[in-house]
């Protein structure tokens, strides 16, 4: 006689994991939620007050940053990474997030690990006023290595059609405003792990003075969410376009929101590049092109604003606890990015 548990799937363990997170999930519910936990599908009503509501959806994962969580045994941050990344992705089109769905898959479910991961998802949703409407926890023995899992998320937001940000308002002379990242966010980890953790005997607990602490701490810093600081600016019509700086860095992401015939001219040295990127650049001897196309280099989001609106935008962001900085301009030319280096080349300490 064989049971599902004999095959490696412990339904009771799944139930225990879900029991630990039920209260956290329910705390994320907003007025739009019409269903309760356990339903086959989540129900959500659209908010009132929009002339022509348009739904905006996105999906993403955490990527190989999960390897750092496995190595350190810290699983309470990756869920926050996932939610914040997804919120930022729809924010750039002017959308206010409504609800989130998560997917956690593993070989053998550890209820405590699952509670930490989904607890991080729920905490980030609560912070952003987003309902964690549903999700799936899948146990697939033999498919994932012991102690490992994968994590994906799906977000839906809404924007009034007349307020969609599609880059059409961007003009030559507009200013690029950088919003600081908290580190690598969720991109570039394959290269970062190769540079910092590939040497035998070096682990995430290794302390690097240049980083001010263990490697693992620097690499697990949570992907920052910009919704609370940026949404008030969108409501006042102060932003022409935005780019979330994820995979591809500034090089690939800024052109996605630029009209044909315009390019981004970035003033390298206009902001202080965080130590983790300087360490990676120096230790990995990364070519300049790869450096700017792999990492966010300390800029998690770029707003494109009229020069006439620059000071109000900077003042509002700084008062909200987001010390932003002008980092270049939109200029005429072939769509793309150009980097204007200071006289001494890289900012001090990057090489």
C-alpha atoms as a PDB file:
ATOM      1  CA  UNK A   1       0.000   0.000   0.000  1.00  0.00           C
ATOM      2  CA  UNK A   2       1.350   3.436  -0.971  1.00  0.00           C
ATOM      3  CA  UNK A   3       0.165   6.846   0.177  1.00  0.00           C
ATOM      4  CA  UNK A   4       0.693  10.349  -1.152  1.00  0.00           C
ATOM      5  CA  UNK A   5       2.929  11.005   1.857  1.00  0.00           C
ATOM      6  CA  UNK A   6       5.044   7.958   0.922  1.00  0.00           C
ATOM      7  CA  UNK A   7       5.548   9.597  -2.484  1.00  0.00           C
ATOM      8  CA  UNK A   8       6.874  12.717  -0.792  1.00  0.00           C
ATOM      9  CA  UNK A   9       3.780  14.963  -0.619  1.00  0.00           C
ATOM     10  CA  UNK A  10       2.632  15.764   2.926  1.00  0.00           C
ATOM     11  CA  UNK A  11      -0.796  17.389   2.736  1.00  0.00           C
ATOM     12  CA  UNK A  12      -0.858  17.749   6.523  1.00  0.00           C
ATOM     13  CA  UNK A  13       2.360  19.777   6.376  1.00  0.00           C
ATOM     14  CA  UNK A  14       0.756  22.045   3.782  1.00  0.00           C
ATOM     15  CA  UNK A  15      -2.218  22.539   6.074  1.00  0.00           C
ATOM     16  CA  UNK A  16       0.084  23.442   8.967  1.00  0.00           C
ATOM     17  CA  UNK A  17       1.930  25.961   6.820  1.00  0.00           C
ATOM     18  CA  UNK A  18      -1.297  27.555   5.658  1.00  0.00           C
ATOM     19  CA  UNK A  19      -2.623  27.726   9.199  1.00  0.00           C
ATOM     20  CA  UNK A  20       0.394  29.814  10.211  1.00  0.00           C
ATOM     21  CA  UNK A  21      -0.207  32.435   7.525  1.00  0.00           C
ATOM     22  CA  UNK A  22      -4.007  32.686   7.478  1.00  0.00           C
ATOM     23  CA  UNK A  23      -4.146  35.544   9.964  1.00  0.00           C
ATOM     24  CA  UNK A  24      -1.393  37.442   8.154  1.00  0.00           C
ATOM     25  CA  UNK A  25      -3.174  37.035   4.838  1.00  0.00           C
ATOM     26  CA  UNK A  26      -6.518  38.187   6.210  1.00  0.00           C
ATOM     27  CA  UNK A  27      -4.874  41.357   7.546  1.00  0.00           C
ATOM     28  CA  UNK A  28      -4.066  42.341   3.956  1.00  0.00           C
ATOM     29  CA  UNK A  29      -7.715  42.314   2.857  1.00  0.00           C
ATOM     30  CA  UNK A  30      -9.026  45.628   1.589  1.00  0.00           C
ATOM     31  CA  UNK A  31     -12.581  46.808   0.895  1.00  0.00           C
ATOM     32  CA  UNK A  32     -12.344  45.380  -2.617  1.00  0.00           C
ATOM     33  CA  UNK A  33     -12.017  41.747  -1.477  1.00  0.00           C
ATOM     34  CA  UNK A  34     -15.258  39.776  -1.883  1.00  0.00           C
ATOM     35  CA  UNK A  35     -14.010  36.212  -1.308  1.00  0.00           C
ATOM     36  CA  UNK A  36     -12.469  34.493   1.696  1.00  0.00           C
ATOM     37  CA  UNK A  37      -9.579  32.074   2.074  1.00  0.00           C
ATOM     38  CA  UNK A  38     -10.180  28.636   0.633  1.00  0.00           C
ATOM     39  CA  UNK A  39     -12.178  29.762  -2.389  1.00  0.00           C
ATOM     40  CA  UNK A  40     -11.110  28.365  -5.749  1.00  0.00           C
ATOM     41  CA  UNK A  41     -10.681  31.890  -7.079  1.00  0.00           C
ATOM     42  CA  UNK A  42     -10.251  35.308  -5.506  1.00  0.00           C
ATOM     43  CA  UNK A  43     -12.998  37.880  -6.006  1.00  0.00           C
ATOM     44  CA  UNK A  44     -12.262  41.598  -6.137  1.00  0.00           C
ATOM     45  CA  UNK A  45     -14.439  44.584  -7.052  1.00  0.00           C
ATOM     46  CA  UNK A  46     -13.023  47.573  -8.924  1.00  0.00           C
ATOM     47  CA  UNK A  47     -12.781  50.842  -6.995  1.00  0.00           C
ATOM     48  CA  UNK A  48     -15.217  53.615  -7.814  1.00  0.00           C
ATOM     49  CA  UNK A  49     -14.356  57.087  -9.043  1.00  0.00           C
ATOM     50  CA  UNK A  50     -12.507  56.185 -12.249  1.00  0.00           C
ATOM     51  CA  UNK A  51     -13.968  57.418 -15.533  1.00  0.00           C
ATOM     52  CA  UNK A  52     -12.492  54.566 -17.580  1.00  0.00           C
ATOM     53  CA  UNK A  53     -10.686  52.044 -15.362  1.00  0.00           C
ATOM     54  CA  UNK A  54      -7.934  50.014 -17.012  1.00  0.00           C
ATOM     55  CA  UNK A  55      -6.453  46.951 -15.320  1.00  0.00           C
ATOM     56  CA  UNK A  56      -2.657  46.631 -15.328  1.00  0.00           C
ATOM     57  CA  UNK A  57      -1.117  43.218 -14.583  1.00  0.00           C
ATOM     58  CA  UNK A  58       2.397  41.873 -14.182  1.00  0.00           C
ATOM     59  CA  UNK A  59       4.185  38.699 -13.077  1.00  0.00           C
ATOM     60  CA  UNK A  60       7.712  38.092 -11.843  1.00  0.00           C
ATOM     61  CA  UNK A  61       9.960  35.954  -9.669  1.00  0.00           C
ATOM     62  CA  UNK A  62      12.822  36.517  -7.257  1.00  0.00           C
ATOM     63  CA  UNK A  63      15.413  34.713  -9.382  1.00  0.00           C
ATOM     64  CA  UNK A  64      18.732  33.460  -8.054  1.00  0.00           C
ATOM     65  CA  UNK A  65      18.546  35.784  -5.060  1.00  0.00           C
ATOM     66  CA  UNK A  66      16.760  32.768  -3.589  1.00  0.00           C
ATOM     67  CA  UNK A  67      20.141  31.016  -3.499  1.00  0.00           C
ATOM     68  CA  UNK A  68      21.262  33.554  -0.884  1.00  0.00           C
ATOM     69  CA  UNK A  69      18.159  32.817   1.183  1.00  0.00           C
ATOM     70  CA  UNK A  70      18.908  29.070   0.999  1.00  0.00           C
ATOM     71  CA  UNK A  71      22.537  29.605   2.013  1.00  0.00           C
ATOM     72  CA  UNK A  72      21.741  31.865   4.962  1.00  0.00           C
ATOM     73  CA  UNK A  73      18.564  30.142   6.135  1.00  0.00           C
ATOM     74  CA  UNK A  74      16.786  33.519   6.050  1.00  0.00           C
ATOM     75  CA  UNK A  75      13.473  33.292   4.230  1.00  0.00           C
ATOM     76  CA  UNK A  76      11.536  36.314   5.523  1.00  0.00           C
ATOM     77  CA  UNK A  77      12.845  38.844   2.976  1.00  0.00           C
ATOM     78  CA  UNK A  78      12.328  37.219  -0.438  1.00  0.00           C
ATOM     79  CA  UNK A  79       8.542  37.532  -0.221  1.00  0.00           C
ATOM     80  CA  UNK A  80       8.929  41.263   0.301  1.00  0.00           C
ATOM     81  CA  UNK A  81      11.278  41.406  -2.685  1.00  0.00           C
ATOM     82  CA  UNK A  82       8.667  39.751  -4.853  1.00  0.00           C
ATOM     83  CA  UNK A  83       5.766  42.021  -3.918  1.00  0.00           C
ATOM     84  CA  UNK A  84       7.772  45.236  -4.104  1.00  0.00           C
ATOM     85  CA  UNK A  85       9.238  44.338  -7.495  1.00  0.00           C
ATOM     86  CA  UNK A  86       5.793  43.631  -8.930  1.00  0.00           C
ATOM     87  CA  UNK A  87       4.291  46.838  -7.487  1.00  0.00           C
ATOM     88  CA  UNK A  88       7.074  48.910  -9.051  1.00  0.00           C
ATOM     89  CA  UNK A  89       6.528  47.238 -12.430  1.00  0.00           C
ATOM     90  CA  UNK A  90       2.917  48.430 -12.710  1.00  0.00           C
ATOM     91  CA  UNK A  91       3.591  51.724 -10.949  1.00  0.00           C
ATOM     92  CA  UNK A  92       5.581  52.917 -13.965  1.00  0.00           C
ATOM     93  CA  UNK A  93       2.377  52.886 -16.025  1.00  0.00           C
ATOM     94  CA  UNK A  94       0.584  54.951 -13.424  1.00  0.00           C
ATOM     95  CA  UNK A  95      -1.279  52.049 -11.830  1.00  0.00           C
ATOM     96  CA  UNK A  96      -2.299  51.785  -8.195  1.00  0.00           C
ATOM     97  CA  UNK A  97      -1.906  48.152  -7.021  1.00  0.00           C
ATOM     98  CA  UNK A  98      -5.080  46.336  -5.991  1.00  0.00           C
ATOM     99  CA  UNK A  99      -4.305  42.693  -5.273  1.00  0.00           C
ATOM    100  CA  UNK A 100      -1.519  40.116  -5.392  1.00  0.00           C
ATOM    101  CA  UNK A 101      -1.253  36.347  -5.937  1.00  0.00           C
ATOM    102  CA  UNK A 102       1.736  34.209  -4.967  1.00  0.00           C
ATOM    103  CA  UNK A 103       3.086  30.834  -6.053  1.00  0.00           C
ATOM    104  CA  UNK A 104       5.481  28.856  -3.851  1.00  0.00           C
ATOM    105  CA  UNK A 105       6.825  25.537  -5.142  1.00  0.00           C
ATOM    106  CA  UNK A 106       9.206  23.187  -3.335  1.00  0.00           C
ATOM    107  CA  UNK A 107      10.366  19.588  -3.280  1.00  0.00           C
ATOM    108  CA  UNK A 108       9.507  18.885   0.353  1.00  0.00           C
ATOM    109  CA  UNK A 109       7.494  21.473   2.232  1.00  0.00           C
ATOM    110  CA  UNK A 110       8.895  22.856   5.465  1.00  0.00           C
ATOM    111  CA  UNK A 111       5.956  24.596   7.191  1.00  0.00           C
ATOM    112  CA  UNK A 112       8.209  27.080   9.018  1.00  0.00           C
ATOM    113  CA  UNK A 113      10.041  28.077   5.845  1.00  0.00           C
ATOM    114  CA  UNK A 114       6.759  28.422   3.961  1.00  0.00           C
ATOM    115  CA  UNK A 115       5.371  30.582   6.773  1.00  0.00           C
ATOM    116  CA  UNK A 116       8.436  32.856   6.600  1.00  0.00           C
ATOM    117  CA  UNK A 117       8.231  33.209   2.822  1.00  0.00           C
ATOM    118  CA  UNK A 118       4.484  33.813   2.588  1.00  0.00           C
ATOM    119  CA  UNK A 119       4.642  35.915   5.751  1.00  0.00           C
ATOM    120  CA  UNK A 120       7.059  38.216   3.917  1.00  0.00           C
ATOM    121  CA  UNK A 121       4.634  38.406   0.998  1.00  0.00           C
ATOM    122  CA  UNK A 122       1.771  39.273   3.357  1.00  0.00           C
ATOM    123  CA  UNK A 123       3.808  41.876   5.246  1.00  0.00           C
ATOM    124  CA  UNK A 124       4.781  43.676   2.031  1.00  0.00           C
ATOM    125  CA  UNK A 125       1.179  43.593   0.834  1.00  0.00           C
ATOM    126  CA  UNK A 126       0.018  45.097   4.142  1.00  0.00           C
ATOM    127  CA  UNK A 127       2.634  47.840   3.936  1.00  0.00           C
ATOM    128  CA  UNK A 128       1.466  48.802   0.445  1.00  0.00           C
ATOM    129  CA  UNK A 129      -2.276  48.463   1.057  1.00  0.00           C
ATOM    130  CA  UNK A 130      -2.504  45.547  -1.378  1.00  0.00           C
ATOM    131  CA  UNK A 131      -4.764  42.542  -0.812  1.00  0.00           C
ATOM    132  CA  UNK A 132      -3.100  39.131  -0.873  1.00  0.00           C
ATOM    133  CA  UNK A 133      -6.069  37.655  -2.699  1.00  0.00           C
ATOM    134  CA  UNK A 134      -4.857  34.102  -3.189  1.00  0.00           C
ATOM    135  CA  UNK A 135      -1.986  31.822  -4.027  1.00  0.00           C
ATOM    136  CA  UNK A 136      -0.707  28.313  -4.468  1.00  0.00           C
ATOM    137  CA  UNK A 137       1.714  26.208  -2.456  1.00  0.00           C
ATOM    138  CA  UNK A 138       2.953  23.223  -4.456  1.00  0.00           C
ATOM    139  CA  UNK A 139       4.968  20.280  -3.122  1.00  0.00           C
ATOM    140  CA  UNK A 140       6.777  18.415  -5.907  1.00  0.00           C
ATOM    141  CA  UNK A 141       9.233  15.808  -4.592  1.00  0.00           C
ATOM    142  CA  UNK A 142      12.101  15.048  -6.936  1.00  0.00           C
ATOM    143  CA  UNK A 143      11.590  18.269  -8.882  1.00  0.00           C
ATOM    144  CA  UNK A 144      13.451  20.638  -6.544  1.00  0.00           C
ATOM    145  CA  UNK A 145      16.573  19.957  -4.494  1.00  0.00           C
ATOM    146  CA  UNK A 146      16.111  19.476  -0.750  1.00  0.00           C
ATOM    147  CA  UNK A 147      15.857  22.800   1.053  1.00  0.00           C
ATOM    148  CA  UNK A 148      15.138  24.762  -2.125  1.00  0.00           C
ATOM    149  CA  UNK A 149      12.007  26.351  -3.555  1.00  0.00           C
ATOM    150  CA  UNK A 150      10.854  28.746  -6.239  1.00  0.00           C
ATOM    151  CA  UNK A 151       8.698  31.803  -5.748  1.00  0.00           C
ATOM    152  CA  UNK A 152       6.623  33.799  -8.221  1.00  0.00           C
ATOM    153  CA  UNK A 153       4.050  36.542  -7.925  1.00  0.00           C
ATOM    154  CA  UNK A 154       1.263  38.133  -9.923  1.00  0.00           C
ATOM    155  CA  UNK A 155      -0.116  41.616  -9.370  1.00  0.00           C
ATOM    156  CA  UNK A 156      -3.123  43.523 -10.684  1.00  0.00           C
ATOM    157  CA  UNK A 157      -3.602  47.266 -10.413  1.00  0.00           C
ATOM    158  CA  UNK A 158      -5.816  49.922 -11.929  1.00  0.00           C
ATOM    159  CA  UNK A 159      -5.373  53.277 -13.633  1.00  0.00           C
ATOM    160  CA  UNK A 160      -7.782  55.687 -15.283  1.00  0.00           C
ATOM    161  CA  UNK A 161      -7.173  55.429 -19.022  1.00  0.00           C
ATOM    162  CA  UNK A 162      -6.515  59.175 -19.371  1.00  0.00           C
ATOM    163  CA  UNK A 163      -3.783  58.936 -16.721  1.00  0.00           C
ATOM    164  CA  UNK A 164      -1.798  56.012 -18.179  1.00  0.00           C
ATOM    165  CA  UNK A 165       1.922  56.747 -18.412  1.00  0.00           C
ATOM    166  CA  UNK A 166       3.118  55.523 -21.809  1.00  0.00           C
ATOM    167  CA  UNK A 167       6.051  57.872 -22.496  1.00  0.00           C
ATOM    168  CA  UNK A 168       4.105  60.044 -24.954  1.00  0.00           C
ATOM    169  CA  UNK A 169       4.529  63.123 -22.742  1.00  0.00           C
ATOM    170  CA  UNK A 170       8.314  62.903 -22.647  1.00  0.00           C
ATOM    171  CA  UNK A 171      10.138  65.793 -24.353  1.00  0.00           C
ATOM    172  CA  UNK A 172      13.734  66.799 -25.024  1.00  0.00           C
ATOM    173  CA  UNK A 173      14.953  68.778 -22.029  1.00  0.00           C
ATOM    174  CA  UNK A 174      13.030  66.730 -19.466  1.00  0.00           C
ATOM    175  CA  UNK A 175      15.018  65.819 -16.363  1.00  0.00           C
ATOM    176  CA  UNK A 176      15.891  62.303 -15.203  1.00  0.00           C
ATOM    177  CA  UNK A 177      15.299  61.970 -11.459  1.00  0.00           C
ATOM    178  CA  UNK A 178      16.875  58.969  -9.744  1.00  0.00           C
ATOM    179  CA  UNK A 179      15.337  57.241  -6.733  1.00  0.00           C
ATOM    180  CA  UNK A 180      17.905  55.288  -4.699  1.00  0.00           C
ATOM    181  CA  UNK A 181      17.924  51.514  -4.590  1.00  0.00           C
ATOM    182  CA  UNK A 182      18.649  49.526  -1.442  1.00  0.00           C
ATOM    183  CA  UNK A 183      21.224  47.387  -3.215  1.00  0.00           C
ATOM    184  CA  UNK A 184      20.970  44.838  -6.014  1.00  0.00           C
ATOM    185  CA  UNK A 185      17.190  44.552  -5.553  1.00  0.00           C
ATOM    186  CA  UNK A 186      16.386  41.325  -7.474  1.00  0.00           C
ATOM    187  CA  UNK A 187      18.751  41.485 -10.439  1.00  0.00           C
ATOM    188  CA  UNK A 188      22.339  40.553 -11.225  1.00  0.00           C
ATOM    189  CA  UNK A 189      22.604  37.799  -8.623  1.00  0.00           C
ATOM    190  CA  UNK A 190      24.109  35.180 -10.917  1.00  0.00           C
ATOM    191  CA  UNK A 191      27.073  37.478 -11.526  1.00  0.00           C
ATOM    192  CA  UNK A 192      27.216  38.734  -7.927  1.00  0.00           C
ATOM    193  CA  UNK A 193      27.309  35.173  -6.552  1.00  0.00           C
ATOM    194  CA  UNK A 194      30.020  34.210  -9.020  1.00  0.00           C
ATOM    195  CA  UNK A 195      32.182  37.151  -7.917  1.00  0.00           C
ATOM    196  CA  UNK A 196      31.594  37.071  -4.163  1.00  0.00           C
ATOM    197  CA  UNK A 197      30.753  33.465  -3.276  1.00  0.00           C
ATOM    198  CA  UNK A 198      32.426  31.171  -5.812  1.00  0.00           C
ATOM    199  CA  UNK A 199      35.728  30.886  -3.942  1.00  0.00           C
ATOM    200  CA  UNK A 200      35.941  27.718  -1.786  1.00  0.00           C
ATOM    201  CA  UNK A 201      35.520  28.507   1.872  1.00  0.00           C
ATOM    202  CA  UNK A 202      33.781  31.846   1.285  1.00  0.00           C
ATOM    203  CA  UNK A 203      30.180  31.920   2.439  1.00  0.00           C
ATOM    204  CA  UNK A 204      27.462  34.517   3.018  1.00  0.00           C
ATOM    205  CA  UNK A 205      28.600  34.981   6.635  1.00  0.00           C
ATOM    206  CA  UNK A 206      32.005  36.273   5.420  1.00  0.00           C
ATOM    207  CA  UNK A 207      32.470  39.872   6.573  1.00  0.00           C
ATOM    208  CA  UNK A 208      33.768  42.360   4.014  1.00  0.00           C
ATOM    209  CA  UNK A 209      34.820  45.676   5.579  1.00  0.00           C
ATOM    210  CA  UNK A 210      33.934  47.484   2.344  1.00  0.00           C
ATOM    211  CA  UNK A 211      30.337  46.303   2.760  1.00  0.00           C
ATOM    212  CA  UNK A 212      30.173  47.085   6.454  1.00  0.00           C
ATOM    213  CA  UNK A 213      29.161  43.536   7.343  1.00  0.00           C
ATOM    214  CA  UNK A 214      28.512  40.016   6.025  1.00  0.00           C
ATOM    215  CA  UNK A 215      28.134  39.379   2.310  1.00  0.00           C
ATOM    216  CA  UNK A 216      24.751  37.756   2.910  1.00  0.00           C
ATOM    217  CA  UNK A 217      23.358  40.864   4.601  1.00  0.00           C
ATOM    218  CA  UNK A 218      24.362  43.056   1.674  1.00  0.00           C
ATOM    219  CA  UNK A 219      22.868  40.664  -0.872  1.00  0.00           C
ATOM    220  CA  UNK A 220      19.585  40.136   0.999  1.00  0.00           C
ATOM    221  CA  UNK A 221      18.661  43.819   1.326  1.00  0.00           C
ATOM    222  CA  UNK A 222      15.003  44.089   0.360  1.00  0.00           C
ATOM    223  CA  UNK A 223      13.970  45.399  -3.048  1.00  0.00           C
ATOM    224  CA  UNK A 224      12.555  48.844  -2.325  1.00  0.00           C
ATOM    225  CA  UNK A 225       8.924  49.716  -3.110  1.00  0.00           C
ATOM    226  CA  UNK A 226       8.371  53.263  -4.401  1.00  0.00           C
ATOM    227  CA  UNK A 227       4.569  53.399  -4.418  1.00  0.00           C
ATOM    228  CA  UNK A 228       4.019  55.514  -1.300  1.00  0.00           C
ATOM    229  CA  UNK A 229       6.461  58.189  -2.480  1.00  0.00           C
ATOM    230  CA  UNK A 230       5.488  58.212  -6.171  1.00  0.00           C
ATOM    231  CA  UNK A 231       1.690  57.826  -6.203  1.00  0.00           C
ATOM    232  CA  UNK A 232       1.092  61.363  -4.803  1.00  0.00           C
ATOM    233  CA  UNK A 233       3.230  62.743  -7.644  1.00  0.00           C
ATOM    234  CA  UNK A 234       1.193  60.819 -10.199  1.00  0.00           C
ATOM    235  CA  UNK A 235      -2.066  62.109  -8.744  1.00  0.00           C
ATOM    236  CA  UNK A 236      -0.807  65.666  -9.316  1.00  0.00           C
ATOM    237  CA  UNK A 237       0.364  64.941 -12.862  1.00  0.00           C
ATOM    238  CA  UNK A 238       3.993  65.788 -12.084  1.00  0.00           C
ATOM    239  CA  UNK A 239       5.588  62.823 -13.867  1.00  0.00           C
ATOM    240  CA  UNK A 240       5.921  62.347 -17.636  1.00  0.00           C
ATOM    241  CA  UNK A 241       7.241  58.770 -17.495  1.00  0.00           C
ATOM    242  CA  UNK A 242       8.976  56.275 -15.196  1.00  0.00           C
ATOM    243  CA  UNK A 243      11.336  53.340 -15.580  1.00  0.00           C
ATOM    244  CA  UNK A 244      11.825  50.557 -13.031  1.00  0.00           C
ATOM    245  CA  UNK A 245      15.538  49.677 -13.157  1.00  0.00           C
ATOM    246  CA  UNK A 246      15.586  45.885 -13.117  1.00  0.00           C
ATOM    247  CA  UNK A 247      17.295  43.341 -15.399  1.00  0.00           C
ATOM    248  CA  UNK A 248      19.166  45.241 -18.092  1.00  0.00           C
ATOM    249  CA  UNK A 249      19.974  48.136 -15.774  1.00  0.00           C
ATOM    250  CA  UNK A 250      19.685  51.745 -16.862  1.00  0.00           C
ATOM    251  CA  UNK A 251      20.965  50.794 -20.320  1.00  0.00           C
ATOM    252  CA  UNK A 252      17.974  48.659 -21.292  1.00  0.00           C
ATOM    253  CA  UNK A 253      15.155  49.963 -19.087  1.00  0.00           C
ATOM    254  CA  UNK A 254      15.194  53.705 -19.730  1.00  0.00           C
ATOM    255  CA  UNK A 255      14.701  53.365 -23.519  1.00  0.00           C
ATOM    256  CA  UNK A 256      11.501  51.381 -22.868  1.00  0.00           C
ATOM    257  CA  UNK A 257       9.699  54.599 -21.858  1.00  0.00           C
ATOM    258  CA  UNK A 258      11.256  56.981 -24.398  1.00  0.00           C
ATOM    259  CA  UNK A 259       9.558  58.012 -27.659  1.00  0.00           C
ATOM    260  CA  UNK A 260      11.370  57.529 -30.954  1.00  0.00           C
ATOM    261  CA  UNK A 261      13.958  60.255 -31.528  1.00  0.00           C
ATOM    262  CA  UNK A 262      14.816  60.781 -27.861  1.00  0.00           C
ATOM    263  CA  UNK A 263      17.573  59.297 -25.699  1.00  0.00           C
ATOM    264  CA  UNK A 264      18.640  59.489 -22.061  1.00  0.00           C
ATOM    265  CA  UNK A 265      21.879  61.319 -21.256  1.00  0.00           C
ATOM    266  CA  UNK A 266      23.044  60.143 -17.820  1.00  0.00           C
ATOM    267  CA  UNK A 267      25.559  62.118 -15.783  1.00  0.00           C
ATOM    268  CA  UNK A 268      27.708  59.477 -14.130  1.00  0.00           C
ATOM    269  CA  UNK A 269      28.813  60.844 -10.782  1.00  0.00           C
ATOM    270  CA  UNK A 270      25.538  62.677 -10.105  1.00  0.00           C
ATOM    271  CA  UNK A 271      24.860  60.197  -7.284  1.00  0.00           C
ATOM    272  CA  UNK A 272      26.940  58.148  -4.872  1.00  0.00           C
ATOM    273  CA  UNK A 273      27.164  54.583  -6.156  1.00  0.00           C
ATOM    274  CA  UNK A 274      26.701  52.237  -3.135  1.00  0.00           C
ATOM    275  CA  UNK A 275      29.662  50.157  -1.887  1.00  0.00           C
ATOM    276  CA  UNK A 276      28.251  46.796  -3.043  1.00  0.00           C
ATOM    277  CA  UNK A 277      28.517  47.864  -6.693  1.00  0.00           C
ATOM    278  CA  UNK A 278      32.028  49.226  -6.226  1.00  0.00           C
ATOM    279  CA  UNK A 279      33.079  45.935  -4.625  1.00  0.00           C
ATOM    280  CA  UNK A 280      31.551  43.916  -7.455  1.00  0.00           C
ATOM    281  CA  UNK A 281      33.121  46.133 -10.120  1.00  0.00           C
ATOM    282  CA  UNK A 282      36.587  45.926  -8.571  1.00  0.00           C
ATOM    283  CA  UNK A 283      36.617  42.236  -7.600  1.00  0.00           C
ATOM    284  CA  UNK A 284      34.988  41.039 -10.799  1.00  0.00           C
ATOM    285  CA  UNK A 285      36.836  43.406 -13.119  1.00  0.00           C
ATOM    286  CA  UNK A 286      33.491  43.813 -14.879  1.00  0.00           C
ATOM    287  CA  UNK A 287      33.579  45.570 -18.261  1.00  0.00           C
ATOM    288  CA  UNK A 288      31.831  48.925 -18.140  1.00  0.00           C
ATOM    289  CA  UNK A 289      29.106  47.889 -20.585  1.00  0.00           C
ATOM    290  CA  UNK A 290      28.240  44.810 -18.522  1.00  0.00           C
ATOM    291  CA  UNK A 291      28.323  46.756 -15.277  1.00  0.00           C
ATOM    292  CA  UNK A 292      25.668  49.254 -16.344  1.00  0.00           C
ATOM    293  CA  UNK A 293      23.563  46.623 -18.095  1.00  0.00           C
ATOM    294  CA  UNK A 294      23.591  44.076 -15.260  1.00  0.00           C
ATOM    295  CA  UNK A 295      23.141  46.141 -12.068  1.00  0.00           C
ATOM    296  CA  UNK A 296      20.960  49.100 -11.109  1.00  0.00           C
ATOM    297  CA  UNK A 297      24.073  50.913  -9.807  1.00  0.00           C
ATOM    298  CA  UNK A 298      22.170  52.468  -6.917  1.00  0.00           C
ATOM    299  CA  UNK A 299      19.168  53.704  -8.917  1.00  0.00           C
ATOM    300  CA  UNK A 300      15.983  51.682  -8.403  1.00  0.00           C
ATOM    301  CA  UNK A 301      13.551  53.921 -10.271  1.00  0.00           C
ATOM    302  CA  UNK A 302      13.890  56.854 -12.670  1.00  0.00           C
ATOM    303  CA  UNK A 303      11.227  59.532 -13.010  1.00  0.00           C
ATOM    304  CA  UNK A 304      11.146  61.751 -16.075  1.00  0.00           C
ATOM    305  CA  UNK A 305       9.807  65.212 -15.245  1.00  0.00           C
ATOM    306  CA  UNK A 306       9.591  68.669 -16.772  1.00  0.00           C
ATOM    307  CA  UNK A 307      12.412  70.992 -15.633  1.00  0.00           C
ATOM    308  CA  UNK A 308       9.678  73.364 -14.422  1.00  0.00           C
ATOM    309  CA  UNK A 309       8.413  70.647 -12.056  1.00  0.00           C
ATOM    310  CA  UNK A 310      11.831  69.458 -10.873  1.00  0.00           C
ATOM    311  CA  UNK A 311      12.066  71.322  -7.571  1.00  0.00           C
ATOM    312  CA  UNK A 312       8.530  70.447  -6.365  1.00  0.00           C
ATOM    313  CA  UNK A 313       9.156  66.793  -7.268  1.00  0.00           C
ATOM    314  CA  UNK A 314      12.498  66.673  -5.440  1.00  0.00           C
ATOM    315  CA  UNK A 315      11.061  68.438  -2.399  1.00  0.00           C
ATOM    316  CA  UNK A 316       8.083  66.084  -2.146  1.00  0.00           C
ATOM    317  CA  UNK A 317      10.211  62.972  -2.561  1.00  0.00           C
ATOM    318  CA  UNK A 318      12.712  64.077   0.052  1.00  0.00           C
ATOM    319  CA  UNK A 319       9.972  64.981   2.518  1.00  0.00           C
ATOM    320  CA  UNK A 320       8.596  61.454   2.013  1.00  0.00           C
ATOM    321  CA  UNK A 321      11.966  59.971   2.996  1.00  0.00           C
ATOM    322  CA  UNK A 322      13.208  59.262  -0.530  1.00  0.00           C
ATOM    323  CA  UNK A 323      16.365  61.371  -1.146  1.00  0.00           C
ATOM    324  CA  UNK A 324      16.156  61.613  -4.941  1.00  0.00           C
ATOM    325  CA  UNK A 325      18.629  63.293  -7.271  1.00  0.00           C
ATOM    326  CA  UNK A 326      18.753  64.769 -10.812  1.00  0.00           C
ATOM    327  CA  UNK A 327      20.902  62.390 -12.856  1.00  0.00           C
ATOM    328  CA  UNK A 328      20.671  63.633 -16.434  1.00  0.00           C
ATOM    329  CA  UNK A 329      18.333  64.759 -19.176  1.00  0.00           C
ATOM    330  CA  UNK A 330      16.334  63.615 -22.154  1.00  0.00           C
ATOM    331  CA  UNK A 331      18.003  64.736 -25.390  1.00  0.00           C
ATOM    332  CA  UNK A 332      17.330  64.372 -29.097  1.00  0.00           C
ATOM    333  CA  UNK A 333      18.918  61.401 -30.831  1.00  0.00           C
ATOM    334  CA  UNK A 334      18.543  57.702 -31.476  1.00  0.00           C
ATOM    335  CA  UNK A 335      16.550  56.061 -28.699  1.00  0.00           C
ATOM    336  CA  UNK A 336      18.939  54.668 -26.113  1.00  0.00           C
ATOM    337  CA  UNK A 337      21.222  55.709 -23.261  1.00  0.00           C
ATOM    338  CA  UNK A 338      24.489  57.626 -23.239  1.00  0.00           C
ATOM    339  CA  UNK A 339      26.753  57.958 -20.211  1.00  0.00           C
ATOM    340  CA  UNK A 340      28.524  61.260 -19.557  1.00  0.00           C
ATOM    341  CA  UNK A 341      31.499  60.380 -17.357  1.00  0.00           C
ATOM    342  CA  UNK A 342      33.239  62.925 -15.111  1.00  0.00           C
ATOM    343  CA  UNK A 343      36.789  63.953 -16.093  1.00  0.00           C
ATOM    344  CA  UNK A 344      38.362  61.214 -13.970  1.00  0.00           C
ATOM    345  CA  UNK A 345      36.305  58.453 -15.611  1.00  0.00           C
ATOM    346  CA  UNK A 346      34.337  56.441 -13.083  1.00  0.00           C
ATOM    347  CA  UNK A 347      33.116  57.984  -9.832  1.00  0.00           C
ATOM    348  CA  UNK A 348      35.787  57.712  -7.152  1.00  0.00           C
ATOM    349  CA  UNK A 349      36.216  54.180  -5.828  1.00  0.00           C
ATOM    350  CA  UNK A 350      34.278  52.347  -8.535  1.00  0.00           C
ATOM    351  CA  UNK A 351      37.452  51.054 -10.158  1.00  0.00           C
END
